[in-house]
Protein backbone atom coordinates (compact mmCIF):
# COMPACT_ATOMS: atom_id res chain seq x y z
CA MET A 1 5.60 11.48 -14.79
CA ASP A 2 8.39 9.32 -13.25
CA GLY A 3 8.82 11.58 -10.30
CA LEU A 4 5.35 11.32 -9.62
CA LEU A 5 5.35 7.67 -9.78
CA ALA A 6 8.45 7.34 -7.83
CA PHE A 7 6.85 9.58 -5.06
CA LEU A 8 3.75 7.50 -4.95
CA LEU A 9 5.63 4.42 -4.83
CA VAL A 10 7.75 5.55 -1.69
CA VAL A 11 4.38 6.68 0.04
CA GLY A 12 3.01 3.22 -0.72
CA VAL A 13 5.96 1.47 0.78
CA LEU A 14 5.94 3.60 3.83
CA ALA A 15 2.21 2.99 4.26
CA VAL A 16 2.93 -0.80 4.15
CA VAL A 17 5.86 -0.70 6.50
CA GLY A 18 3.78 1.53 8.82
CA SER A 19 0.73 -1.02 8.63
CA LEU A 20 3.28 -3.88 9.64
CA VAL A 21 4.80 -1.95 12.53
CA LEU A 22 1.34 -1.00 13.67
CA MET A 23 0.07 -4.60 13.49
CA ARG A 24 2.90 -5.43 15.85
CA ARG A 25 2.22 -2.98 18.45
CA VAL A 26 -1.52 -2.89 19.01
CA PRO A 27 -3.37 -5.31 20.90
CA ARG A 28 -4.76 -8.49 19.03
CA GLU A 29 -8.40 -7.21 18.98
CA ILE A 30 -7.46 -4.30 17.10
CA ARG A 31 -5.26 -5.74 14.68
CA PRO A 32 -7.72 -6.10 11.80
CA VAL A 33 -8.12 -2.29 11.50
CA ALA A 34 -4.23 -2.17 10.56
CA LEU A 35 -4.73 -4.69 7.84
CA VAL A 36 -7.22 -2.07 6.12
CA PRO A 37 -4.34 0.27 4.98
CA LEU A 38 -2.15 -2.51 4.27
CA PHE A 39 -4.72 -4.04 1.86
CA VAL A 40 -5.66 -0.67 0.21
CA VAL A 41 -2.14 0.01 -0.76
CA LEU A 42 -1.44 -3.52 -2.01
CA VAL A 43 -4.48 -3.27 -4.11
CA GLY A 44 -3.27 0.13 -5.43
CA PHE A 45 -0.05 -1.34 -6.20
CA ALA A 46 -1.69 -3.95 -8.17
CA ILE A 47 -3.84 -1.55 -10.22
CA GLY A 48 -0.91 0.68 -10.90
CA PHE A 49 1.14 -2.29 -11.96
CA LEU A 50 -1.84 -3.15 -14.54
CA ALA A 51 -2.02 0.25 -15.63
CA LEU A 52 1.64 0.72 -16.41
CA ALA A 53 1.38 -2.73 -18.21
CA GLY A 54 -1.39 -1.23 -20.54
CA VAL A 55 -4.00 -3.58 -19.56
CA PHE A 56 -6.56 -0.64 -19.27
CA GLY A 57 -6.20 0.73 -22.69
């Protein structure tokens, strides 16, 4: 389970870094599209944190 958690954390961090790089390189009109994966990953991190904390039972 720890290996899976570490793998998912690495994938999430790569997605956040990729979104930030993408936001810097695309034209201003397309930047909101680059925010979508960033927000999805950040929400996933928050839900994962709450699950690990035992909030969901």
